[in-house]
Amino acid sequence: MKLVQAKLRHYDAILGRVTPGDEYELEDAVAERWVKAGVADALAERPPPPPPPAPEPEPEEEPEEAEQEEVREEDRERLRVAAKQLSEEGKSQYQIAELLGISRDRVRRLLKAP
């Protein structure tokens, strides 16, 4: 088997449409005929394939659901304490929402919670 690169567009009974610039691996006799006819150039060897892509890094493991719930509960408690403290200082729900970066409805729920 020999490797050739097509120079002209033509039709081959076995391969079908041959496009210029494409490489074909052909039996020796067929490759020699193509080269003699001027429709292809013989290539010394197949160019090396591109290197494989680097492996993607392993995704970090997600904390288990119980751990996630603990973190969420701690965050809620911190917000609840901060909201109540700001409320005791005389801040409005709107001002508390702006300071904590949360919605006014959430401030209302935090202040209502025991």
PDB file of N, CA and C in Angstrom:
ATOM      1  N   MET A   1       0.849  -1.177   0.000  1.00  0.00           N
ATOM      2  CA  MET A   1       0.000   0.000   0.000  1.00  0.00           C
ATOM      3  C   MET A   1       0.894   1.239   0.000  1.00  0.00           C
ATOM      4  N   LYS A   2       0.511   2.206  -0.816  1.00  0.00           N
ATOM      5  CA  LYS A   2       1.252   3.456  -0.907  1.00  0.00           C
ATOM      6  C   LYS A   2       0.307   4.615  -0.626  1.00  0.00           C
ATOM      7  N   LEU A   3       0.895   5.683  -0.136  1.00  0.00           N
ATOM      8  CA  LEU A   3       0.133   6.881   0.189  1.00  0.00           C
ATOM      9  C   LEU A   3       0.347   7.909  -0.911  1.00  0.00           C
ATOM     10  N   VAL A   4      -0.757   8.448  -1.435  1.00  0.00           N
ATOM     11  CA  VAL A   4      -0.677   9.471  -2.476  1.00  0.00           C
ATOM     12  C   VAL A   4      -1.582  10.640  -2.089  1.00  0.00           C
ATOM     13  N   GLN A   5      -1.244  11.811  -2.663  1.00  0.00           N
ATOM     14  CA  GLN A   5      -2.081  12.992  -2.451  1.00  0.00           C
ATOM     15  C   GLN A   5      -2.616  13.425  -3.811  1.00  0.00           C
ATOM     16  N   ALA A   6      -3.921  13.532  -3.911  1.00  0.00           N
ATOM     17  CA  ALA A   6      -4.558  13.862  -5.191  1.00  0.00           C
ATOM     18  C   ALA A   6      -4.222  15.291  -5.599  1.00  0.00           C
ATOM     19  N   LYS A   7      -3.962  15.473  -6.926  1.00  0.00           N
ATOM     20  CA  LYS A   7      -3.696  16.804  -7.473  1.00  0.00           C
ATOM     21  C   LYS A   7      -4.894  17.323  -8.257  1.00  0.00           C
ATOM     22  N   LEU A   8      -5.656  16.409  -8.837  1.00  0.00           N
ATOM     23  CA  LEU A   8      -6.796  16.789  -9.669  1.00  0.00           C
ATOM     24  C   LEU A   8      -8.065  16.144  -9.147  1.00  0.00           C
ATOM     25  N   ARG A   9      -9.187  16.787  -9.417  1.00  0.00           N
ATOM     26  CA  ARG A   9     -10.475  16.193  -9.079  1.00  0.00           C
ATOM     27  C   ARG A   9     -10.826  15.187 -10.167  1.00  0.00           C
ATOM     28  N   HIS A  10     -11.150  13.996  -9.749  1.00  0.00           N
ATOM     29  CA  HIS A  10     -11.559  12.978 -10.705  1.00  0.00           C
ATOM     30  C   HIS A  10     -12.401  11.938  -9.982  1.00  0.00           C
ATOM     31  N   TYR A  11     -12.867  10.953 -10.754  1.00  0.00           N
ATOM     32  CA  TYR A  11     -13.719   9.913 -10.194  1.00  0.00           C
ATOM     33  C   TYR A  11     -12.997   8.585 -10.304  1.00  0.00           C
ATOM     34  N   ASP A  12     -12.971   7.837  -9.218  1.00  0.00           N
ATOM     35  CA  ASP A  12     -12.378   6.504  -9.217  1.00  0.00           C
ATOM     36  C   ASP A  12     -13.499   5.508  -8.969  1.00  0.00           C
ATOM     37  N   ALA A  13     -13.479   4.392  -9.695  1.00  0.00           N
ATOM     38  CA  ALA A  13     -14.564   3.413  -9.585  1.00  0.00           C
ATOM     39  C   ALA A  13     -14.675   2.836  -8.181  1.00  0.00           C
ATOM     40  N   ILE A  14     -13.585   2.696  -7.488  1.00  0.00           N
ATOM     41  CA  ILE A  14     -13.620   2.117  -6.136  1.00  0.00           C
ATOM     42  C   ILE A  14     -13.843   3.186  -5.067  1.00  0.00           C
ATOM     43  N   LEU A  15     -13.111   4.280  -5.173  1.00  0.00           N
ATOM     44  CA  LEU A  15     -13.175   5.324  -4.141  1.00  0.00           C
ATOM     45  C   LEU A  15     -14.305   6.315  -4.340  1.00  0.00           C
ATOM     46  N   GLY A  16     -14.735   6.486  -5.570  1.00  0.00           N
ATOM     47  CA  GLY A  16     -15.745   7.500  -5.847  1.00  0.00           C
ATOM     48  C   GLY A  16     -15.058   8.811  -6.181  1.00  0.00           C
ATOM     49  N   ARG A  17     -15.618   9.930  -5.735  1.00  0.00           N
ATOM     50  CA  ARG A  17     -15.067  11.237  -6.046  1.00  0.00           C
ATOM     51  C   ARG A  17     -13.735  11.427  -5.318  1.00  0.00           C
ATOM     52  N   VAL A  18     -12.721  11.850  -6.065  1.00  0.00           N
ATOM     53  CA  VAL A  18     -11.404  12.120  -5.498  1.00  0.00           C
ATOM     54  C   VAL A  18     -11.221  13.626  -5.507  1.00  0.00           C
ATOM     55  N   THR A  19     -10.902  14.179  -4.358  1.00  0.00           N
ATOM     56  CA  THR A  19     -10.788  15.624  -4.206  1.00  0.00           C
ATOM     57  C   THR A  19      -9.323  16.039  -4.116  1.00  0.00           C
ATOM     58  N   PRO A  20      -8.915  17.103  -4.819  1.00  0.00           N
ATOM     59  CA  PRO A  20      -7.528  17.556  -4.744  1.00  0.00           C
ATOM     60  C   PRO A  20      -7.132  17.900  -3.299  1.00  0.00           C
ATOM     61  N   GLY A  21      -5.924  17.511  -2.948  1.00  0.00           N
ATOM     62  CA  GLY A  21      -5.412  17.792  -1.607  1.00  0.00           C
ATOM     63  C   GLY A  21      -5.657  16.672  -0.617  1.00  0.00           C
ATOM     64  N   ASP A  22      -6.614  15.803  -0.893  1.00  0.00           N
ATOM     65  CA  ASP A  22      -6.884  14.687   0.013  1.00  0.00           C
ATOM     66  C   ASP A  22      -5.846  13.593  -0.180  1.00  0.00           C
ATOM     67  N   GLU A  23      -5.593  12.852   0.892  1.00  0.00           N
ATOM     68  CA  GLU A  23      -4.633  11.758   0.836  1.00  0.00           C
ATOM     69  C   GLU A  23      -5.376  10.433   0.770  1.00  0.00           C
ATOM     70  N   TYR A  24      -4.810   9.500  -0.023  1.00  0.00           N
ATOM     71  CA  TYR A  24      -5.422   8.195  -0.204  1.00  0.00           C
ATOM     72  C   TYR A  24      -4.347   7.132  -0.055  1.00  0.00           C
ATOM     73  N   GLU A  25      -4.715   6.040   0.599  1.00  0.00           N
ATOM     74  CA  GLU A  25      -3.815   4.895   0.692  1.00  0.00           C
ATOM     75  C   GLU A  25      -4.301   3.872  -0.325  1.00  0.00           C
ATOM     76  N   LEU A  26      -3.466   3.622  -1.331  1.00  0.00           N
ATOM     77  CA  LEU A  26      -3.863   2.783  -2.454  1.00  0.00           C
ATOM     78  C   LEU A  26      -2.920   1.598  -2.603  1.00  0.00           C
ATOM     79  N   GLU A  27      -3.394   0.576  -3.308  1.00  0.00           N
ATOM     80  CA  GLU A  27      -2.518  -0.543  -3.650  1.00  0.00           C
ATOM     81  C   GLU A  27      -1.394  -0.009  -4.526  1.00  0.00           C
ATOM     82  N   ASP A  28      -0.249  -0.674  -4.478  1.00  0.00           N
ATOM     83  CA  ASP A  28       0.940  -0.178  -5.188  1.00  0.00           C
ATOM     84  C   ASP A  28       0.683   0.098  -6.663  1.00  0.00           C
ATOM     85  N   ALA A  29       0.041  -0.825  -7.360  1.00  0.00           N
ATOM     86  CA  ALA A  29      -0.177  -0.672  -8.807  1.00  0.00           C
ATOM     87  C   ALA A  29      -1.075   0.532  -9.095  1.00  0.00           C
ATOM     88  N   VAL A  30      -2.133   0.697  -8.322  1.00  0.00           N
ATOM     89  CA  VAL A  30      -3.057   1.823  -8.527  1.00  0.00           C
ATOM     90  C   VAL A  30      -2.345   3.128  -8.224  1.00  0.00           C
ATOM     91  N   ALA A  31      -1.583   3.159  -7.139  1.00  0.00           N
ATOM     92  CA  ALA A  31      -0.867   4.376  -6.771  1.00  0.00           C
ATOM     93  C   ALA A  31       0.110   4.770  -7.875  1.00  0.00           C
ATOM     94  N   GLU A  32       0.819   3.798  -8.433  1.00  0.00           N
ATOM     95  CA  GLU A  32       1.771   4.097  -9.514  1.00  0.00           C
ATOM     96  C   GLU A  32       1.053   4.639 -10.745  1.00  0.00           C
ATOM     97  N   ARG A  33      -0.114   4.080 -11.076  1.00  0.00           N
ATOM     98  CA  ARG A  33      -0.882   4.587 -12.232  1.00  0.00           C
ATOM     99  C   ARG A  33      -1.302   6.035 -12.002  1.00  0.00           C
ATOM    100  N   TRP A  34      -1.766   6.354 -10.811  1.00  0.00           N
ATOM    101  CA  TRP A  34      -2.186   7.722 -10.510  1.00  0.00           C
ATOM    102  C   TRP A  34      -1.008   8.689 -10.640  1.00  0.00           C
ATOM    103  N   VAL A  35       0.136   8.280 -10.129  1.00  0.00           N
ATOM    104  CA  VAL A  35       1.313   9.147 -10.196  1.00  0.00           C
ATOM    105  C   VAL A  35       1.746   9.327 -11.648  1.00  0.00           C
ATOM    106  N   LYS A  36       1.774   8.245 -12.428  1.00  0.00           N
ATOM    107  CA  LYS A  36       2.152   8.333 -13.852  1.00  0.00           C
ATOM    108  C   LYS A  36       1.184   9.213 -14.624  1.00  0.00           C
ATOM    109  N   ALA A  37      -0.100   9.112 -14.309  1.00  0.00           N
ATOM    110  CA  ALA A  37      -1.117   9.899 -15.013  1.00  0.00           C
ATOM    111  C   ALA A  37      -1.088  11.365 -14.590  1.00  0.00           C
ATOM    112  N   GLY A  38      -0.396  11.668 -13.495  1.00  0.00           N
ATOM    113  CA  GLY A  38      -0.291  13.055 -13.047  1.00  0.00           C
ATOM    114  C   GLY A  38      -1.467  13.520 -12.208  1.00  0.00           C
ATOM    115  N   VAL A  39      -2.289  12.594 -11.754  1.00  0.00           N
ATOM    116  CA  VAL A  39      -3.441  13.004 -10.948  1.00  0.00           C
ATOM    117  C   VAL A  39      -3.130  12.986  -9.453  1.00  0.00           C
ATOM    118  N   ALA A  40      -1.929  12.472  -9.085  1.00  0.00           N
ATOM    119  CA  ALA A  40      -1.572  12.414  -7.674  1.00  0.00           C
ATOM    120  C   ALA A  40      -0.064  12.454  -7.511  1.00  0.00           C
ATOM    121  N   ASP A  41       0.379  12.855  -6.341  1.00  0.00           N
ATOM    122  CA  ASP A  41       1.790  12.831  -5.973  1.00  0.00           C
ATOM    123  C   ASP A  41       1.984  11.752  -4.926  1.00  0.00           C
ATOM    124  N   ALA A  42       3.080  11.019  -5.054  1.00  0.00           N
ATOM    125  CA  ALA A  42       3.383   9.995  -4.059  1.00  0.00           C
ATOM    126  C   ALA A  42       3.894  10.682  -2.794  1.00  0.00           C
ATOM    127  N   LEU A  43       3.453  10.200  -1.650  1.00  0.00           N
ATOM    128  CA  LEU A  43       3.928  10.719  -0.373  1.00  0.00           C
ATOM    129  C   LEU A  43       4.835   9.674   0.261  1.00  0.00           C
ATOM    130  N   ALA A  44       5.899  10.134   0.893  1.00  0.00           N
ATOM    131  CA  ALA A  44       6.864   9.213   1.494  1.00  0.00           C
ATOM    132  C   ALA A  44       6.216   8.419   2.620  1.00  0.00           C
ATOM    133  N   GLU A  45       5.534   9.096   3.488  1.00  0.00           N
ATOM    134  CA  GLU A  45       4.887   8.423   4.608  1.00  0.00           C
ATOM    135  C   GLU A  45       3.731   9.267   5.106  1.00  0.00           C
ATOM    136  N   ARG A  46       2.885   8.622   5.838  1.00  0.00           N
ATOM    137  CA  ARG A  46       1.719   9.330   6.380  1.00  0.00           C
ATOM    138  C   ARG A  46       2.201  10.308   7.458  1.00  0.00           C
ATOM    139  N   PRO A  47       1.748  11.548   7.392  1.00  0.00           N
ATOM    140  CA  PRO A  47       2.141  12.496   8.435  1.00  0.00           C
ATOM    141  C   PRO A  47       1.654  11.998   9.799  1.00  0.00           C
ATOM    142  N   PRO A  48       2.393  12.313  10.840  1.00  0.00           N
ATOM    143  CA  PRO A  48       1.982  11.818  12.163  1.00  0.00           C
ATOM    144  C   PRO A  48       0.642  12.413  12.582  1.00  0.00           C
ATOM    145  N   PRO A  49      -0.153  11.622  13.277  1.00  0.00           N
ATOM    146  CA  PRO A  49      -1.452  12.144  13.730  1.00  0.00           C
ATOM    147  C   PRO A  49      -1.237  13.221  14.787  1.00  0.00           C
ATOM    148  N   PRO A  50      -2.196  14.117  14.913  1.00  0.00           N
ATOM    149  CA  PRO A  50      -2.049  15.173  15.931  1.00  0.00           C
ATOM    150  C   PRO A  50      -2.001  14.533  17.313  1.00  0.00           C
ATOM    151  N   PRO A  51      -1.295  15.168  18.228  1.00  0.00           N
ATOM    152  CA  PRO A  51      -1.209  14.597  19.578  1.00  0.00           C
ATOM    153  C   PRO A  51      -2.582  14.571  20.234  1.00  0.00           C
ATOM    154  N   PRO A  52      -2.817  13.578  21.075  1.00  0.00           N
ATOM    155  CA  PRO A  52      -4.118  13.504  21.749  1.00  0.00           C
ATOM    156  C   PRO A  52      -4.292  14.699  22.681  1.00  0.00           C
ATOM    157  N   PRO A  53      -5.518  15.128  22.860  1.00  0.00           N
ATOM    158  CA  PRO A  53      -5.742  16.270  23.753  1.00  0.00           C
ATOM    159  C   PRO A  53      -5.353  15.900  25.187  1.00  0.00           C
ATOM    160  N   ALA A  54      -4.936  16.911  25.913  1.00  0.00           N
ATOM    161  CA  ALA A  54      -4.561  16.694  27.309  1.00  0.00           C
ATOM    162  C   ALA A  54      -5.791  16.236  28.092  1.00  0.00           C
ATOM    163  N   PRO A  55      -5.606  15.319  29.014  1.00  0.00           N
ATOM    164  CA  PRO A  55      -6.776  14.865  29.783  1.00  0.00           C
ATOM    165  C   PRO A  55      -7.347  15.997  30.623  1.00  0.00           C
ATOM    166  N   GLU A  56      -8.659  15.996  30.713  1.00  0.00           N
ATOM    167  CA  GLU A  56      -9.312  17.030  31.507  1.00  0.00           C
ATOM    168  C   GLU A  56      -9.096  16.739  32.981  1.00  0.00           C
ATOM    169  N   PRO A  57      -8.943  17.793  33.777  1.00  0.00           N
ATOM    170  CA  PRO A  57      -8.728  17.554  35.205  1.00  0.00           C
ATOM    171  C   PRO A  57      -9.957  16.918  35.833  1.00  0.00           C
ATOM    172  N   GLU A  58      -9.698  16.116  36.835  1.00  0.00           N
ATOM    173  CA  GLU A  58     -10.782  15.454  37.553  1.00  0.00           C
ATOM    174  C   GLU A  58     -11.639  16.514  38.252  1.00  0.00           C
ATOM    175  N   PRO A  59     -12.956  16.437  38.133  1.00  0.00           N
ATOM    176  CA  PRO A  59     -13.786  17.410  38.847  1.00  0.00           C
ATOM    177  C   PRO A  59     -13.684  17.181  40.351  1.00  0.00           C
ATOM    178  N   GLU A  60     -13.705  18.284  41.066  1.00  0.00           N
ATOM    179  CA  GLU A  60     -13.650  18.166  42.518  1.00  0.00           C
ATOM    180  C   GLU A  60     -14.921  17.503  43.008  1.00  0.00           C
ATOM    181  N   GLU A  61     -14.753  16.694  44.025  1.00  0.00           N
ATOM    182  CA  GLU A  61     -15.908  15.993  44.553  1.00  0.00           C
ATOM    183  C   GLU A  61     -16.815  16.979  45.286  1.00  0.00           C
ATOM    184  N   GLU A  62     -18.091  16.830  45.018  1.00  0.00           N
ATOM    185  CA  GLU A  62     -19.082  17.664  45.691  1.00  0.00           C
ATOM    186  C   GLU A  62     -19.213  17.201  47.137  1.00  0.00           C
ATOM    187  N   PRO A  63     -19.356  18.130  48.065  1.00  0.00           N
ATOM    188  CA  PRO A  63     -19.602  17.697  49.434  1.00  0.00           C
ATOM    189  C   PRO A  63     -20.915  16.921  49.496  1.00  0.00           C
ATOM    190  N   GLU A  64     -20.986  16.002  50.417  1.00  0.00           N
ATOM    191  CA  GLU A  64     -22.205  15.212  50.538  1.00  0.00           C
ATOM    192  C   GLU A  64     -23.372  16.110  50.907  1.00  0.00           C
ATOM    193  N   GLU A  65     -24.568  15.610  50.656  1.00  0.00           N
ATOM    194  CA  GLU A  65     -25.769  16.412  50.872  1.00  0.00           C
ATOM    195  C   GLU A  65     -25.878  16.907  52.310  1.00  0.00           C
ATOM    196  N   ALA A  66     -25.522  16.073  53.268  1.00  0.00           N
ATOM    197  CA  ALA A  66     -25.610  16.475  54.670  1.00  0.00           C
ATOM    198  C   ALA A  66     -24.666  17.643  54.944  1.00  0.00           C
ATOM    199  N   GLU A  67     -23.437  17.585  54.358  1.00  0.00           N
ATOM    200  CA  GLU A  67     -22.484  18.676  54.543  1.00  0.00           C
ATOM    201  C   GLU A  67     -22.999  19.948  53.883  1.00  0.00           C
ATOM    202  N   GLN A  68     -23.571  19.819  52.692  1.00  0.00           N
ATOM    203  CA  GLN A  68     -24.113  20.989  51.999  1.00  0.00           C
ATOM    204  C   GLN A  68     -25.233  21.624  52.821  1.00  0.00           C
ATOM    205  N   GLU A  69     -26.081  20.799  53.406  1.00  0.00           N
ATOM    206  CA  GLU A  69     -27.186  21.317  54.206  1.00  0.00           C
ATOM    207  C   GLU A  69     -26.651  22.042  55.436  1.00  0.00           C
ATOM    208  N   GLU A  70     -25.579  21.512  56.040  1.00  0.00           N
ATOM    209  CA  GLU A  70     -24.972  22.178  57.201  1.00  0.00           C
ATOM    210  C   GLU A  70     -24.472  23.563  56.819  1.00  0.00           C
ATOM    211  N   VAL A  71     -23.788  23.649  55.677  1.00  0.00           N
ATOM    212  CA  VAL A  71     -23.253  24.935  55.222  1.00  0.00           C
ATOM    213  C   VAL A  71     -24.391  25.904  54.961  1.00  0.00           C
ATOM    214  N   ARG A  72     -25.445  25.431  54.299  1.00  0.00           N
ATOM    215  CA  ARG A  72     -26.591  26.310  54.016  1.00  0.00           C
ATOM    216  C   ARG A  72     -27.219  26.814  55.309  1.00  0.00           C
ATOM    217  N   GLU A  73     -27.353  25.921  56.267  1.00  0.00           N
ATOM    218  CA  GLU A  73     -27.965  26.316  57.542  1.00  0.00           C
ATOM    219  C   GLU A  73     -27.090  27.336  58.266  1.00  0.00           C
ATOM    220  N   GLU A  74     -25.761  27.154  58.207  1.00  0.00           N
ATOM    221  CA  GLU A  74     -24.860  28.130  58.823  1.00  0.00           C
ATOM    222  C   GLU A  74     -24.998  29.483  58.149  1.00  0.00           C
ATOM    223  N   ASP A  75     -25.093  29.498  56.825  1.00  0.00           N
ATOM    224  CA  ASP A  75     -25.265  30.752  56.085  1.00  0.00           C
ATOM    225  C   ASP A  75     -26.582  31.428  56.473  1.00  0.00           C
ATOM    226  N   ARG A  76     -27.652  30.630  56.556  1.00  0.00           N
ATOM    227  CA  ARG A  76     -28.953  31.200  56.948  1.00  0.00           C
ATOM    228  C   ARG A  76     -28.872  31.824  58.337  1.00  0.00           C
ATOM    229  N   GLU A  77     -28.206  31.119  59.250  1.00  0.00           N
ATOM    230  CA  GLU A  77     -28.111  31.619  60.623  1.00  0.00           C
ATOM    231  C   GLU A  77     -27.312  32.922  60.669  1.00  0.00           C
ATOM    232  N   ARG A  78     -26.221  32.985  59.908  1.00  0.00           N
ATOM    233  CA  ARG A  78     -25.427  34.233  59.866  1.00  0.00           C
ATOM    234  C   ARG A  78     -26.271  35.381  59.333  1.00  0.00           C
ATOM    235  N   LEU A  79     -27.028  35.126  58.263  1.00  0.00           N
ATOM    236  CA  LEU A  79     -27.884  36.178  57.705  1.00  0.00           C
ATOM    237  C   LEU A  79     -28.967  36.581  58.702  1.00  0.00           C
ATOM    238  N   ARG A  80     -29.544  35.594  59.371  1.00  0.00           N
ATOM    239  CA  ARG A  80     -30.601  35.869  60.343  1.00  0.00           C
ATOM    240  C   ARG A  80     -30.071  36.774  61.463  1.00  0.00           C
ATOM    241  N   VAL A  81     -28.887  36.445  61.996  1.00  0.00           N
ATOM    242  CA  VAL A  81     -28.295  37.241  63.076  1.00  0.00           C
ATOM    243  C   VAL A  81     -27.977  38.649  62.583  1.00  0.00           C
ATOM    244  N   ALA A  82     -27.377  38.754  61.384  1.00  0.00           N
ATOM    245  CA  ALA A  82     -27.025  40.071  60.847  1.00  0.00           C
ATOM    246  C   ALA A  82     -28.275  40.906  60.609  1.00  0.00           C
ATOM    247  N   ALA A  83     -29.319  40.298  60.045  1.00  0.00           N
ATOM    248  CA  ALA A  83     -30.556  41.038  59.767  1.00  0.00           C
ATOM    249  C   ALA A  83     -31.190  41.529  61.066  1.00  0.00           C
ATOM    250  N   LYS A  84     -31.252  40.676  62.082  1.00  0.00           N
ATOM    251  CA  LYS A  84     -31.856  41.087  63.361  1.00  0.00           C
ATOM    252  C   LYS A  84     -31.044  42.196  64.015  1.00  0.00           C
ATOM    253  N   GLN A  85     -29.708  42.082  63.932  1.00  0.00           N
ATOM    254  CA  GLN A  85     -28.859  43.110  64.534  1.00  0.00           C
ATOM    255  C   GLN A  85     -29.068  44.458  63.837  1.00  0.00           C
ATOM    256  N   LEU A  86     -29.119  44.450  62.505  1.00  0.00           N
ATOM    257  CA  LEU A  86     -29.331  45.696  61.767  1.00  0.00           C
ATOM    258  C   LEU A  86     -30.723  46.259  62.058  1.00  0.00           C
ATOM    259  N   SER A  87     -31.698  45.385  62.201  1.00  0.00           N
ATOM    260  CA  SER A  87     -33.047  45.833  62.515  1.00  0.00           C
ATOM    261  C   SER A  87     -33.086  46.511  63.886  1.00  0.00           C
ATOM    262  N   GLU A  88     -32.383  45.929  64.858  1.00  0.00           N
ATOM    263  CA  GLU A  88     -32.327  46.527  66.203  1.00  0.00           C
ATOM    264  C   GLU A  88     -31.626  47.876  66.186  1.00  0.00           C
ATOM    265  N   GLU A  89     -30.720  48.074  65.217  1.00  0.00           N
ATOM    266  CA  GLU A  89     -30.032  49.364  65.081  1.00  0.00           C
ATOM    267  C   GLU A  89     -30.928  50.407  64.421  1.00  0.00           C
ATOM    268  N   GLY A  90     -32.103  50.001  63.994  1.00  0.00           N
ATOM    269  CA  GLY A  90     -33.050  50.948  63.422  1.00  0.00           C
ATOM    270  C   GLY A  90     -33.049  51.008  61.904  1.00  0.00           C
ATOM    271  N   LYS A  91     -32.391  50.073  61.242  1.00  0.00           N
ATOM    272  CA  LYS A  91     -32.367  50.066  59.775  1.00  0.00           C
ATOM    273  C   LYS A  91     -33.689  49.513  59.251  1.00  0.00           C
ATOM    274  N   SER A  92     -34.113  50.026  58.104  1.00  0.00           N
ATOM    275  CA  SER A  92     -35.341  49.523  57.477  1.00  0.00           C
ATOM    276  C   SER A  92     -35.034  48.214  56.743  1.00  0.00           C
ATOM    277  N   GLN A  93     -36.113  47.491  56.393  1.00  0.00           N
ATOM    278  CA  GLN A  93     -35.926  46.244  55.664  1.00  0.00           C
ATOM    279  C   GLN A  93     -35.230  46.503  54.323  1.00  0.00           C
ATOM    280  N   TYR A  94     -35.565  47.621  53.707  1.00  0.00           N
ATOM    281  CA  TYR A  94     -34.932  47.981  52.440  1.00  0.00           C
ATOM    282  C   TYR A  94     -33.433  48.196  52.642  1.00  0.00           C
ATOM    283  N   GLN A  95     -33.049  48.926  53.677  1.00  0.00           N
ATOM    284  CA  GLN A  95     -31.633  49.184  53.944  1.00  0.00           C
ATOM    285  C   GLN A  95     -30.888  47.888  54.283  1.00  0.00           C
ATOM    286  N   ILE A  96     -31.528  47.010  55.046  1.00  0.00           N
ATOM    287  CA  ILE A  96     -30.905  45.725  55.404  1.00  0.00           C
ATOM    288  C   ILE A  96     -30.670  44.901  54.138  1.00  0.00           C
ATOM    289  N   ALA A  97     -31.667  44.886  53.269  1.00  0.00           N
ATOM    290  CA  ALA A  97     -31.547  44.134  52.018  1.00  0.00           C
ATOM    291  C   ALA A  97     -30.380  44.659  51.185  1.00  0.00           C
ATOM    292  N   GLU A  98     -30.249  45.958  51.101  1.00  0.00           N
ATOM    293  CA  GLU A  98     -29.154  46.566  50.356  1.00  0.00           C
ATOM    294  C   GLU A  98     -27.806  46.208  50.983  1.00  0.00           C
ATOM    295  N   LEU A  99     -27.708  46.290  52.303  1.00  0.00           N
ATOM    296  CA  LEU A  99     -26.443  46.012  52.998  1.00  0.00           C
ATOM    297  C   LEU A  99     -26.034  44.547  52.887  1.00  0.00           C
ATOM    298  N   LEU A 100     -26.993  43.630  52.969  1.00  0.00           N
ATOM    299  CA  LEU A 100     -26.677  42.203  52.936  1.00  0.00           C
ATOM    300  C   LEU A 100     -26.680  41.616  51.532  1.00  0.00           C
ATOM    301  N   GLY A 101     -27.190  42.371  50.559  1.00  0.00           N
ATOM    302  CA  GLY A 101     -27.225  41.890  49.176  1.00  0.00           C
ATOM    303  C   GLY A 101     -28.259  40.808  48.950  1.00  0.00           C
ATOM    304  N   ILE A 102     -29.376  40.906  49.641  1.00  0.00           N
ATOM    305  CA  ILE A 102     -30.456  39.936  49.480  1.00  0.00           C
ATOM    306  C   ILE A 102     -31.747  40.694  49.222  1.00  0.00           C
ATOM    307  N   SER A 103     -32.816  39.961  48.901  1.00  0.00           N
ATOM    308  CA  SER A 103     -34.084  40.623  48.585  1.00  0.00           C
ATOM    309  C   SER A 103     -34.783  41.088  49.866  1.00  0.00           C
ATOM    310  N   ARG A 104     -35.673  42.085  49.710  1.00  0.00           N
ATOM    311  CA  ARG A 104     -36.435  42.585  50.865  1.00  0.00           C
ATOM    312  C   ARG A 104     -37.350  41.495  51.412  1.00  0.00           C
ATOM    313  N   ASP A 105     -37.884  40.649  50.532  1.00  0.00           N
ATOM    314  CA  ASP A 105     -38.744  39.560  50.981  1.00  0.00           C
ATOM    315  C   ASP A 105     -37.964  38.586  51.861  1.00  0.00           C
ATOM    316  N   ARG A 106     -36.715  38.332  51.503  1.00  0.00           N
ATOM    317  CA  ARG A 106     -35.908  37.427  52.319  1.00  0.00           C
ATOM    318  C   ARG A 106     -35.598  38.070  53.669  1.00  0.00           C
ATOM    319  N   VAL A 107     -35.356  39.374  53.677  1.00  0.00           N
ATOM    320  CA  VAL A 107     -35.132  40.062  54.953  1.00  0.00           C
ATOM    321  C   VAL A 107     -36.361  39.913  55.830  1.00  0.00           C
ATOM    322  N   ARG A 108     -37.551  40.106  55.257  1.00  0.00           N
ATOM    323  CA  ARG A 108     -38.791  39.975  56.002  1.00  0.00           C
ATOM    324  C   ARG A 108     -38.892  38.572  56.610  1.00  0.00           C
ATOM    325  N   ARG A 109     -38.585  37.536  55.813  1.00  0.00           N
ATOM    326  CA  ARG A 109     -38.660  36.166  56.321  1.00  0.00           C
ATOM    327  C   ARG A 109     -37.620  35.911  57.412  1.00  0.00           C
ATOM    328  N   LEU A 110     -36.427  36.477  57.253  1.00  0.00           N
ATOM    329  CA  LEU A 110     -35.379  36.287  58.259  1.00  0.00           C
ATOM    330  C   LEU A 110     -35.778  36.936  59.594  1.00  0.00           C
ATOM    331  N   LEU A 111     -36.388  38.119  59.509  1.00  0.00           N
ATOM    332  CA  LEU A 111     -36.783  38.831  60.730  1.00  0.00           C
ATOM    333  C   LEU A 111     -37.970  38.156  61.400  1.00  0.00           C
ATOM    334  N   LYS A 112     -38.799  37.504  60.614  1.00  0.00           N
ATOM    335  CA  LYS A 112     -39.968  36.825  61.139  1.00  0.00           C
ATOM    336  C   LYS A 112     -39.579  35.497  61.801  1.00  0.00           C
ATOM    337  N   ALA A 113     -38.480  34.891  61.352  1.00  0.00           N
ATOM    338  CA  ALA A 113     -38.060  33.572  61.880  1.00  0.00           C
ATOM    339  C   ALA A 113     -37.701  33.679  63.355  1.00  0.00           C
ATOM    340  N   PRO A 114     -37.926  32.591  64.096  1.00  0.00           N
ATOM    341  CA  PRO A 114     -37.623  32.610  65.539  1.00  0.00           C
ATOM    342  C   PRO A 114     -36.139  32.708  65.845  1.00  0.00           C
TER     343      PRO A 114
END
